[in-house]
C-alpha atoms as a PDB file:
ATOM      1  CA  MET A   1      -3.947  10.658 -24.496  1.00  0.00           C
ATOM      2  CA  ARG A   2      -1.693   9.561 -21.935  1.00  0.00           C
ATOM      3  CA  SER A   3      -0.384  12.468 -19.732  1.00  0.00           C
ATOM      4  CA  THR A   4       3.592  13.317 -19.884  1.00  0.00           C
ATOM      5  CA  HIS A   5       3.596  14.833 -16.728  1.00  0.00           C
ATOM      6  CA  ARG A   6       6.174  12.922 -14.884  1.00  0.00           C
ATOM      7  CA  PRO A   7       5.748  14.886 -10.882  1.00  0.00           C
ATOM      8  CA  SER A   8       9.007  16.290  -9.095  1.00  0.00           C
ATOM      9  CA  ARG A   9      10.480  14.482  -6.609  1.00  0.00           C
ATOM     10  CA  ILE A  10       8.704  17.220  -3.677  1.00  0.00           C
ATOM     11  CA  GLU A  11       4.946  16.430  -6.009  1.00  0.00           C
ATOM     12  CA  ALA A  12       5.765  12.833  -5.976  1.00  0.00           C
ATOM     13  CA  ALA A  13       7.116  12.822  -2.395  1.00  0.00           C
ATOM     14  CA  ALA A  14       3.482  14.338  -1.547  1.00  0.00           C
ATOM     15  CA  ILE A  15       1.603  11.903  -3.584  1.00  0.00           C
ATOM     16  CA  VAL A  16       3.459   8.723  -0.828  1.00  0.00           C
ATOM     17  CA  VAL A  17       2.934  11.125   2.276  1.00  0.00           C
ATOM     18  CA  ALA A  18      -1.042  11.797   1.246  1.00  0.00           C
ATOM     19  CA  THR A  19      -1.181   8.284   0.571  1.00  0.00           C
ATOM     20  CA  LEU A  20       0.269   6.652   3.071  1.00  0.00           C
ATOM     21  CA  ALA A  21      -1.077   9.671   6.128  1.00  0.00           C
ATOM     22  CA  ALA A  22      -4.206   8.035   5.104  1.00  0.00           C
ATOM     23  CA  LEU A  23      -3.838   4.840   5.776  1.00  0.00           C
ATOM     24  CA  SER A  24      -3.048   6.287   9.447  1.00  0.00           C
ATOM     25  CA  LEU A  25      -6.409   5.677   9.765  1.00  0.00           C
ATOM     26  CA  PRO A  26      -8.465   3.536  11.271  1.00  0.00           C
ATOM     27  CA  PRO A  27      -9.498   1.110   9.393  1.00  0.00           C
ATOM     28  CA  LEU A  28     -12.666   0.551   7.735  1.00  0.00           C
ATOM     29  CA  ALA A  29     -13.226  -2.475   9.799  1.00  0.00           C
ATOM     30  CA  VAL A  30     -16.705  -2.585   8.280  1.00  0.00           C
ATOM     31  CA  LEU A  31     -16.528  -2.808   4.994  1.00  0.00           C
ATOM     32  CA  HIS A  32     -12.655  -4.511   4.753  1.00  0.00           C
ATOM     33  CA  ALA A  33     -12.279  -6.589   7.927  1.00  0.00           C
ATOM     34  CA  ALA A  34      -9.275  -8.163   8.364  1.00  0.00           C
ATOM     35  CA  ASP A  35      -7.871 -11.398   5.918  1.00  0.00           C
ATOM     36  CA  GLY A  36     -11.646 -10.980   5.386  1.00  0.00           C
ATOM     37  CA  PRO A  37     -13.078 -12.337   1.644  1.00  0.00           C
ATOM     38  CA  GLY A  38     -11.057 -11.673  -1.658  1.00  0.00           C
ATOM     39  CA  LEU A  39      -7.334 -11.607  -2.137  1.00  0.00           C
ATOM     40  CA  ASN A  40      -4.665 -10.495   1.108  1.00  0.00           C
ATOM     41  CA  LEU A  41      -1.671  -9.349   0.883  1.00  0.00           C
ATOM     42  CA  HIS A  42       0.444  -8.623   3.390  1.00  0.00           C
ATOM     43  CA  LEU A  43       3.673  -5.800   4.325  1.00  0.00           C
ATOM     44  CA  SER A  44       6.409  -5.664   6.515  1.00  0.00           C
ATOM     45  CA  PRO A  45       9.548  -4.121   6.255  1.00  0.00           C
ATOM     46  CA  ALA A  46      10.706  -7.689   7.792  1.00  0.00           C
ATOM     47  CA  GLY A  47       8.942  -9.403   4.850  1.00  0.00           C
ATOM     48  CA  SER A  48      10.649 -10.135   1.474  1.00  0.00           C
ATOM     49  CA  ASP A  49       9.726  -9.727  -1.841  1.00  0.00           C
ATOM     50  CA  VAL A  50       9.835 -13.327  -2.928  1.00  0.00           C
ATOM     51  CA  ASN A  51       7.507 -14.514  -0.243  1.00  0.00           C
ATOM     52  CA  PRO A  52       3.942 -14.421  -1.634  1.00  0.00           C
ATOM     53  CA  GLY A  53       2.609 -12.058   0.265  1.00  0.00           C
ATOM     54  CA  THR A  54       0.623 -13.850   3.212  1.00  0.00           C
ATOM     55  CA  ALA A  55       0.108 -12.673   6.740  1.00  0.00           C
ATOM     56  CA  ALA A  56       3.025 -15.684   7.464  1.00  0.00           C
ATOM     57  CA  GLN A  57       5.545 -14.357   4.360  1.00  0.00           C
ATOM     58  CA  PRO A  58       4.334 -11.207   3.700  1.00  0.00           C
ATOM     59  CA  LEU A  59       6.098  -8.595   1.039  1.00  0.00           C
ATOM     60  CA  ALA A  60       8.901  -6.223   2.147  1.00  0.00           C
ATOM     61  CA  THR A  61       8.037  -3.297  -0.361  1.00  0.00           C
ATOM     62  CA  LEU A  62       5.223  -0.924  -1.379  1.00  0.00           C
ATOM     63  CA  ALA A  63       6.222  -1.362  -5.114  1.00  0.00           C
ATOM     64  CA  ALA A  64       5.968  -5.444  -4.825  1.00  0.00           C
ATOM     65  CA  ALA A  65       2.688  -5.523  -3.059  1.00  0.00           C
ATOM     66  CA  GLN A  66       1.081  -2.762  -5.849  1.00  0.00           C
ATOM     67  CA  ARG A  67       2.341  -5.200  -8.846  1.00  0.00           C
ATOM     68  CA  ALA A  68       0.934  -8.072  -6.974  1.00  0.00           C
ATOM     69  CA  ALA A  69      -2.232  -6.157  -6.331  1.00  0.00           C
ATOM     70  CA  ARG A  70      -1.644  -5.254 -10.001  1.00  0.00           C
ATOM     71  CA  SER A  71      -1.836  -8.291 -11.359  1.00  0.00           C
ATOM     72  CA  ALA A  72      -5.322  -9.787  -9.773  1.00  0.00           C
ATOM     73  CA  VAL A  73      -7.019  -6.535 -10.290  1.00  0.00           C
ATOM     74  CA  GLY A  74     -10.519  -7.064 -11.444  1.00  0.00           C
ATOM     75  CA  LYS A  75     -11.265 -10.530 -10.322  1.00  0.00           C
ATOM     76  CA  LYS A  76     -11.536  -9.835  -6.580  1.00  0.00           C
ATOM     77  CA  PRO A  77     -11.720  -7.327  -3.299  1.00  0.00           C
ATOM     78  CA  ILE A  78      -7.942  -7.013  -2.853  1.00  0.00           C
ATOM     79  CA  THR A  79      -6.747  -5.349   0.538  1.00  0.00           C
ATOM     80  CA  VAL A  80      -3.068  -4.456   1.136  1.00  0.00           C
ATOM     81  CA  TRP A  81      -2.436  -5.031   4.719  1.00  0.00           C
ATOM     82  CA  VAL A  82       0.597  -2.305   6.079  1.00  0.00           C
ATOM     83  CA  HIS A  83       2.024  -3.392   8.732  1.00  0.00           C
ATOM     84  CA  ALA A  84       3.657  -1.045  11.296  1.00  0.00           C
ATOM     85  CA  GLY A  85       7.572  -0.732  10.651  1.00  0.00           C
ATOM     86  CA  THR A  86       9.525   2.153   9.159  1.00  0.00           C
ATOM     87  CA  TYR A  87       9.512   1.514   4.984  1.00  0.00           C
ATOM     88  CA  TYR A  88      12.175   3.738   2.938  1.00  0.00           C
ATOM     89  CA  LEU A  89      11.568   3.948  -0.847  1.00  0.00           C
ATOM     90  CA  PRO A  90      14.062   3.991  -2.307  1.00  0.00           C
ATOM     91  CA  GLU A  91      12.161   5.284  -6.241  1.00  0.00           C
ATOM     92  CA  THR A  92       9.068   6.934  -6.315  1.00  0.00           C
ATOM     93  CA  VAL A  93       5.812   4.585  -6.412  1.00  0.00           C
ATOM     94  CA  CYS A  94       3.095   6.100  -8.337  1.00  0.00           C
ATOM     95  CA  PHE A  95      -0.302   5.179  -8.234  1.00  0.00           C
ATOM     96  CA  SER A  96      -2.890   5.361 -10.919  1.00  0.00           C
ATOM     97  CA  ALA A  97      -6.467   5.159 -11.796  1.00  0.00           C
ATOM     98  CA  GLU A  98      -5.763   1.111 -12.527  1.00  0.00           C
ATOM     99  CA  ASP A  99      -4.703   0.481  -8.507  1.00  0.00           C
ATOM    100  CA  SER A 100      -7.980   1.560  -7.149  1.00  0.00           C
ATOM    101  CA  GLY A 101      -9.565  -1.757  -8.856  1.00  0.00           C
ATOM    102  CA  THR A 102     -13.837  -1.496  -9.804  1.00  0.00           C
ATOM    103  CA  THR A 103     -16.267  -0.962  -7.765  1.00  0.00           C
ATOM    104  CA  GLU A 104     -16.634  -4.767  -7.889  1.00  0.00           C
ATOM    105  CA  ALA A 105     -13.693  -5.415  -6.865  1.00  0.00           C
ATOM    106  CA  PRO A 106     -12.004  -2.563  -5.131  1.00  0.00           C
ATOM    107  CA  VAL A 107      -7.973  -2.023  -4.193  1.00  0.00           C
ATOM    108  CA  VAL A 108      -7.952  -1.305  -0.683  1.00  0.00           C
ATOM    109  CA  TYR A 109      -4.525   0.065   0.966  1.00  0.00           C
ATOM    110  CA  ALA A 110      -4.600   0.042   4.621  1.00  0.00           C
ATOM    111  CA  ARG A 111      -3.113  -0.175   8.277  1.00  0.00           C
ATOM    112  CA  ARG A 112      -3.141  -3.737   9.949  1.00  0.00           C
ATOM    113  CA  PRO A 113      -5.402  -3.412  12.562  1.00  0.00           C
ATOM    114  CA  VAL A 114      -3.363  -4.371  14.917  1.00  0.00           C
ATOM    115  CA  SER A 115      -0.806  -2.366  14.373  1.00  0.00           C
ATOM    116  CA  ASN A 116       0.419   1.380  14.322  1.00  0.00           C
ATOM    117  CA  LEU A 117       2.317   2.665  11.289  1.00  0.00           C
ATOM    118  CA  SER A 118       5.251   4.381  12.616  1.00  0.00           C
ATOM    119  CA  SER A 119       7.111   5.995   9.496  1.00  0.00           C
ATOM    120  CA  VAL A 120       7.007   5.453   6.637  1.00  0.00           C
ATOM    121  CA  ALA A 121      10.359   7.818   4.280  1.00  0.00           C
ATOM    122  CA  ALA A 122      10.511   9.258   1.079  1.00  0.00           C
ATOM    123  CA  HIS A 123      13.461  10.381  -0.955  1.00  0.00           C
ATOM    124  CA  GLY A 124      14.533  12.317   2.364  1.00  0.00           C
ATOM    125  CA  CYS A 125      10.891  13.327   3.313  1.00  0.00           C
ATOM    126  CA  SER A 126       9.837  11.301   6.436  1.00  0.00           C
ATOM    127  CA  TRP A 127       6.139  11.576   7.604  1.00  0.00           C
ATOM    128  CA  ILE A 128       5.542   9.800  11.666  1.00  0.00           C
ATOM    129  CA  GLY A 129       2.813   8.526  12.511  1.00  0.00           C
ATOM    130  CA  SER A 130       0.702   7.444  15.217  1.00  0.00           C
END
């Protein structure tokens, strides 16, 4: 049975902030090397959602990265690399179990190792990373 609970704006912002706060942690280099095996998607405020998500042509929004990752879930490991910058979320991005991938092909959102994630803003709530 599907839950019909819809998070409030505060709950949704807290979920986004908590998820993105985890991105400020040092990357797990042993488990996920930059541009390693599997699908590597890149996200940058300077990107465009019509781009393929490569390092040279990154996506611009978290929602576009999530859609691209979901289209490949279960096929191979996926790493979504979040490059430094400020990301504005005009609408809530909700993550579910399908966004985790599988044991054999996990989906990981991580900051780009050479970047400092500077800030994230969602519905007027902001979080500043170090």
